[in-house]
C-alpha atoms as a PDB file:
ATOM      1  CA  MET A   1     -19.304   8.224 -15.576  1.00  0.00           C
ATOM      2  CA  LEU A   2     -16.408  10.657 -15.915  1.00  0.00           C
ATOM      3  CA  ALA A   3     -18.727  13.644 -15.604  1.00  0.00           C
ATOM      4  CA  TYR A   4     -19.811  12.241 -12.231  1.00  0.00           C
ATOM      5  CA  CYS A   5     -16.453  11.005 -10.887  1.00  0.00           C
ATOM      6  CA  VAL A   6     -13.980  13.680 -11.965  1.00  0.00           C
ATOM      7  CA  PRO A   7     -15.576  16.689 -10.173  1.00  0.00           C
ATOM      8  CA  GLN A   8     -15.724  14.790  -6.850  1.00  0.00           C
ATOM      9  CA  ASP A   9     -13.215  17.076  -5.162  1.00  0.00           C
ATOM     10  CA  ARG A  10     -13.393  15.382  -1.772  1.00  0.00           C
ATOM     11  CA  ALA A  11     -11.741  12.542   0.091  1.00  0.00           C
ATOM     12  CA  LEU A  12     -13.269  10.943   3.188  1.00  0.00           C
ATOM     13  CA  SER A  13     -11.763   8.934   6.018  1.00  0.00           C
ATOM     14  CA  VAL A  14     -13.419   7.621   9.175  1.00  0.00           C
ATOM     15  CA  GLN A  15     -11.824   7.617  12.611  1.00  0.00           C
ATOM     16  CA  PRO A  16     -14.281   5.658  14.798  1.00  0.00           C
ATOM     17  CA  TRP A  17     -11.901   5.890  17.782  1.00  0.00           C
ATOM     18  CA  HIS A  18     -12.447   9.670  17.670  1.00  0.00           C
ATOM     19  CA  GLY A  19     -16.113   9.392  16.647  1.00  0.00           C
ATOM     20  CA  GLN A  20     -15.512  11.486  13.535  1.00  0.00           C
ATOM     21  CA  VAL A  21     -15.355  11.594   9.767  1.00  0.00           C
ATOM     22  CA  THR A  22     -12.635  13.723   8.182  1.00  0.00           C
ATOM     23  CA  ARG A  23     -13.255  15.433   4.830  1.00  0.00           C
ATOM     24  CA  GLN A  24     -10.332  16.639   2.776  1.00  0.00           C
ATOM     25  CA  GLU A  25     -11.724  19.255   0.394  1.00  0.00           C
ATOM     26  CA  ILE A  26      -9.442  19.284  -2.638  1.00  0.00           C
ATOM     27  CA  SER A  27      -9.240  20.977  -5.999  1.00  0.00           C
ATOM     28  CA  LEU A  28      -8.023  18.935  -8.963  1.00  0.00           C
ATOM     29  CA  GLY A  29      -9.216  21.068 -11.875  1.00  0.00           C
ATOM     30  CA  ILE A  30      -9.334  18.136 -14.309  1.00  0.00           C
ATOM     31  CA  PRO A  31     -10.967  19.027 -17.654  1.00  0.00           C
ATOM     32  CA  LEU A  32     -13.072  16.074 -18.822  1.00  0.00           C
ATOM     33  CA  ASP A  33     -11.577  16.235 -22.316  1.00  0.00           C
ATOM     34  CA  SER A  34      -8.110  15.525 -20.879  1.00  0.00           C
ATOM     35  CA  CYS A  35      -9.230  12.089 -19.560  1.00  0.00           C
ATOM     36  CA  THR A  36      -8.330   9.050 -21.659  1.00  0.00           C
ATOM     37  CA  ALA A  37     -10.191   5.763 -21.197  1.00  0.00           C
ATOM     38  CA  LEU A  38      -7.978   2.721 -20.590  1.00  0.00           C
ATOM     39  CA  SER A  39      -8.777  -0.942 -21.072  1.00  0.00           C
ATOM     40  CA  GLY A  40      -7.120  -4.220 -20.198  1.00  0.00           C
ATOM     41  CA  PRO A  41      -7.078  -6.830 -17.455  1.00  0.00           C
ATOM     42  CA  VAL A  42      -6.961  -5.674 -13.854  1.00  0.00           C
ATOM     43  CA  VAL A  43      -5.855  -8.171 -11.210  1.00  0.00           C
ATOM     44  CA  SER A  44      -6.262  -7.047  -7.607  1.00  0.00           C
ATOM     45  CA  ALA A  45      -7.237  -9.175  -4.612  1.00  0.00           C
ATOM     46  CA  ALA A  46      -8.027  -6.005  -2.638  1.00  0.00           C
ATOM     47  CA  ALA A  47     -10.331  -4.600  -5.335  1.00  0.00           C
ATOM     48  CA  GLY A  48     -11.933  -8.014  -5.849  1.00  0.00           C
ATOM     49  CA  ALA A  49     -12.775  -8.205  -2.134  1.00  0.00           C
ATOM     50  CA  VAL A  50     -14.691  -4.926  -2.439  1.00  0.00           C
ATOM     51  CA  ILE A  51     -16.333  -5.141  -5.885  1.00  0.00           C
ATOM     52  CA  GLY A  52     -16.314  -8.862  -6.710  1.00  0.00           C
ATOM     53  CA  ASP A  53     -16.196  -9.573 -10.422  1.00  0.00           C
ATOM     54  CA  ALA A  54     -17.419  -6.127 -11.561  1.00  0.00           C
ATOM     55  CA  GLU A  55     -15.681  -4.676 -14.609  1.00  0.00           C
ATOM     56  CA  PRO A  56     -13.201  -1.914 -13.677  1.00  0.00           C
ATOM     57  CA  PHE A  57     -13.587   1.654 -14.901  1.00  0.00           C
ATOM     58  CA  VAL A  58     -10.139   3.116 -15.501  1.00  0.00           C
ATOM     59  CA  PHE A  59      -8.961   6.378 -17.008  1.00  0.00           C
ATOM     60  CA  LEU A  60      -5.732   8.306 -17.327  1.00  0.00           C
ATOM     61  CA  VAL A  61      -5.182  11.987 -16.688  1.00  0.00           C
ATOM     62  CA  PRO A  62      -1.769  13.084 -17.960  1.00  0.00           C
ATOM     63  CA  ARG A  63      -1.223  15.849 -15.408  1.00  0.00           C
ATOM     64  CA  VAL A  64      -3.014  16.816 -12.191  1.00  0.00           C
ATOM     65  CA  ARG A  65      -2.230  19.618  -9.781  1.00  0.00           C
ATOM     66  CA  LEU A  66      -3.719  18.703  -6.404  1.00  0.00           C
ATOM     67  CA  ARG A  67      -4.530  21.521  -4.024  1.00  0.00           C
ATOM     68  CA  LEU A  68      -5.805  20.880  -0.495  1.00  0.00           C
ATOM     69  CA  GLU A  69      -8.482  23.503   0.146  1.00  0.00           C
ATOM     70  CA  SER A  70      -9.433  22.477   3.687  1.00  0.00           C
ATOM     71  CA  GLU A  71      -9.732  19.604   6.116  1.00  0.00           C
ATOM     72  CA  GLU A  72     -12.977  19.408   8.059  1.00  0.00           C
ATOM     73  CA  ARG A  73     -14.092  17.033  10.804  1.00  0.00           C
ATOM     74  CA  ASP A  74     -17.683  15.978  11.386  1.00  0.00           C
ATOM     75  CA  PRO A  75     -19.160  13.752  14.117  1.00  0.00           C
ATOM     76  CA  ILE A  76     -20.149  10.261  13.023  1.00  0.00           C
END
């Protein structure tokens, strides 16, 4: 799962009032071997509304340098 999630260097947001999707292309540069799996109870009404009773997948990265590469807008 980490090999799939960690390299996802993109954030998306939708602005239907503008008829567009905005992509923030980012660079995190997180080496997979620096990720530490965490376990324990997670209580979140917001997360529960989205995923129901699914088990959370949580990991810790001790240090991340975020760099915004570009911001692009696409029509919906």
